[in-house]
Every structure is written in structure tokens, then in C-alpha cells.
């Protein structure tokens, strides 16, 4: 399995759950979860590109 794929996929799942929570009363927590997921997507993508 390619290095960086797991963080990218995990980040996508976490970002989707954070985006789904944006409409709830926990808007601040949802924003944090969304940012955490997006950071993992970016770092996983960097690993995928770096280790071709």
C-alpha cells in the first residue's frame, strides 16, 4: 500500500463527518474536526506525491 494513502483516506472521512456536523449546535467542535481532517488530507497527499 502506498505511503500516505491511509492519512488521506482517514482525513477524508473525518472531514466529511465534520462537515456533516456544521449544521448542529456544536459548530465550534465541527469546525475543529473539519480542520483536523483537512490537515490530514493535505499531509497524506504530500506523502503520496513525495513518494512516487
N, C-alpha and C. Protein backbone atom coordinates (compact mmCIF):
# COMPACT_ATOMS: atom_id res chain seq x y z
N UNK A 1 0.86 -1.18 0.00
CA UNK A 1 0.00 0.00 0.00
C UNK A 1 0.90 1.24 0.00
N UNK A 2 0.50 2.22 -0.74
CA UNK A 2 1.32 3.42 -0.88
C UNK A 2 1.32 4.24 0.40
N UNK A 3 2.48 4.79 0.71
CA UNK A 3 2.63 5.60 1.91
C UNK A 3 1.84 6.91 1.74
N UNK A 4 1.06 7.27 2.72
CA UNK A 4 0.26 8.48 2.67
C UNK A 4 -1.19 8.24 2.32
N UNK A 5 -1.51 7.04 1.89
CA UNK A 5 -2.88 6.74 1.49
C UNK A 5 -3.82 6.67 2.70
N UNK A 6 -3.34 6.06 3.77
CA UNK A 6 -4.18 5.92 4.97
C UNK A 6 -4.51 7.29 5.58
N UNK A 7 -3.53 8.20 5.77
CA UNK A 7 -3.89 9.52 6.31
C UNK A 7 -4.83 10.30 5.39
N UNK A 8 -4.67 10.15 4.09
CA UNK A 8 -5.54 10.87 3.16
C UNK A 8 -6.98 10.36 3.24
N UNK A 9 -7.14 9.05 3.29
CA UNK A 9 -8.48 8.47 3.38
C UNK A 9 -9.12 8.78 4.73
N UNK A 10 -8.34 8.62 5.79
CA UNK A 10 -8.83 8.93 7.13
C UNK A 10 -9.22 10.41 7.24
N UNK A 11 -8.42 11.28 6.66
CA UNK A 11 -8.73 12.70 6.66
C UNK A 11 -10.00 13.02 5.91
N UNK A 12 -10.25 12.29 4.83
CA UNK A 12 -11.48 12.48 4.07
C UNK A 12 -12.70 12.10 4.89
N UNK A 13 -12.60 10.99 5.61
CA UNK A 13 -13.71 10.54 6.45
C UNK A 13 -13.97 11.53 7.59
N UNK A 14 -12.90 12.00 8.23
CA UNK A 14 -13.04 12.94 9.34
C UNK A 14 -13.57 14.28 8.83
N UNK A 15 -13.12 14.73 7.67
CA UNK A 15 -13.62 15.98 7.09
C UNK A 15 -15.11 15.88 6.76
N UNK A 16 -15.52 14.75 6.24
CA UNK A 16 -16.93 14.56 5.92
C UNK A 16 -17.79 14.58 7.18
N UNK A 17 -17.30 13.96 8.24
CA UNK A 17 -18.08 13.97 9.48
C UNK A 17 -18.11 15.36 10.09
N UNK A 18 -17.03 16.10 9.98
CA UNK A 18 -17.01 17.48 10.46
C UNK A 18 -17.95 18.37 9.66
N UNK A 19 -17.99 18.16 8.36
CA UNK A 19 -18.88 18.95 7.52
C UNK A 19 -20.35 18.62 7.82
N UNK A 20 -20.61 17.37 8.15
CA UNK A 20 -21.98 16.97 8.48
C UNK A 20 -22.43 17.59 9.80
N UNK A 21 -21.51 17.84 10.70
CA UNK A 21 -21.85 18.42 11.99
C UNK A 21 -21.96 19.94 11.97
N UNK A 22 -21.60 20.57 10.88
CA UNK A 22 -21.62 22.04 10.83
C UNK A 22 -23.01 22.63 11.07
N UNK A 23 -24.04 21.90 10.74
CA UNK A 23 -25.40 22.40 10.92
C UNK A 23 -25.94 22.19 12.33
N UNK A 24 -25.18 21.51 13.18
CA UNK A 24 -25.67 21.21 14.52
C UNK A 24 -25.33 22.35 15.49
N UNK A 25 -25.66 22.14 16.75
CA UNK A 25 -25.38 23.17 17.74
C UNK A 25 -23.92 23.15 18.18
N UNK A 26 -23.16 22.15 17.74
CA UNK A 26 -21.74 22.05 18.07
C UNK A 26 -20.87 22.61 16.93
N UNK A 27 -21.13 23.83 16.52
CA UNK A 27 -20.47 24.42 15.36
C UNK A 27 -18.96 24.58 15.57
N UNK A 28 -18.55 24.95 16.78
CA UNK A 28 -17.13 25.14 17.05
C UNK A 28 -16.37 23.82 17.00
N UNK A 29 -16.94 22.78 17.59
CA UNK A 29 -16.31 21.46 17.54
C UNK A 29 -16.28 20.93 16.11
N UNK A 30 -17.34 21.18 15.36
CA UNK A 30 -17.40 20.72 13.96
C UNK A 30 -16.32 21.40 13.13
N UNK A 31 -16.09 22.68 13.39
CA UNK A 31 -15.05 23.40 12.66
C UNK A 31 -13.68 22.83 12.97
N UNK A 32 -13.43 22.50 14.23
CA UNK A 32 -12.17 21.88 14.61
C UNK A 32 -11.97 20.52 13.97
N UNK A 33 -13.02 19.72 13.97
CA UNK A 33 -12.96 18.39 13.35
C UNK A 33 -12.71 18.51 11.85
N UNK A 34 -13.37 19.45 11.23
CA UNK A 34 -13.19 19.67 9.79
C UNK A 34 -11.75 20.09 9.48
N UNK A 35 -11.21 20.99 10.27
CA UNK A 35 -9.83 21.43 10.06
C UNK A 35 -8.83 20.31 10.28
N UNK A 36 -9.07 19.49 11.31
CA UNK A 36 -8.21 18.35 11.60
C UNK A 36 -8.21 17.37 10.43
N UNK A 37 -9.39 17.12 9.88
CA UNK A 37 -9.49 16.22 8.73
C UNK A 37 -8.82 16.77 7.49
N UNK A 38 -9.00 18.05 7.25
CA UNK A 38 -8.38 18.66 6.07
C UNK A 38 -6.86 18.67 6.18
N UNK A 39 -6.35 18.86 7.39
CA UNK A 39 -4.90 18.80 7.58
C UNK A 39 -4.37 17.41 7.25
N UNK A 40 -5.11 16.37 7.64
CA UNK A 40 -4.68 15.01 7.32
C UNK A 40 -4.74 14.73 5.82
N UNK A 41 -5.74 15.29 5.16
CA UNK A 41 -5.82 15.11 3.70
C UNK A 41 -4.61 15.76 3.03
N UNK A 42 -4.28 16.96 3.46
CA UNK A 42 -3.13 17.66 2.87
C UNK A 42 -1.83 16.91 3.14
N UNK A 43 -1.61 16.49 4.37
CA UNK A 43 -0.37 15.79 4.70
C UNK A 43 -0.28 14.43 4.01
N UNK A 44 -1.40 13.72 3.91
CA UNK A 44 -1.40 12.45 3.19
C UNK A 44 -1.13 12.62 1.71
N UNK A 45 -1.68 13.67 1.13
CA UNK A 45 -1.45 13.96 -0.28
C UNK A 45 0.00 14.32 -0.54
N UNK A 46 0.59 15.08 0.38
CA UNK A 46 2.01 15.42 0.24
C UNK A 46 2.85 14.15 0.27
N UNK A 47 2.54 13.23 1.18
CA UNK A 47 3.27 11.96 1.23
C UNK A 47 3.09 11.16 -0.06
N UNK A 48 1.87 11.14 -0.59
CA UNK A 48 1.64 10.40 -1.83
C UNK A 48 2.44 10.97 -2.99
N UNK A 49 2.51 12.28 -3.08
CA UNK A 49 3.24 12.92 -4.17
C UNK A 49 4.74 12.76 -3.98
N UNK A 50 5.19 12.87 -2.73
CA UNK A 50 6.62 12.80 -2.43
C UNK A 50 7.21 11.41 -2.67
N UNK A 51 6.46 10.37 -2.40
CA UNK A 51 6.97 9.00 -2.51
C UNK A 51 6.45 8.28 -3.74
N UNK A 52 6.55 8.88 -4.87
CA UNK A 52 6.10 8.27 -6.13
C UNK A 52 7.01 7.17 -6.55
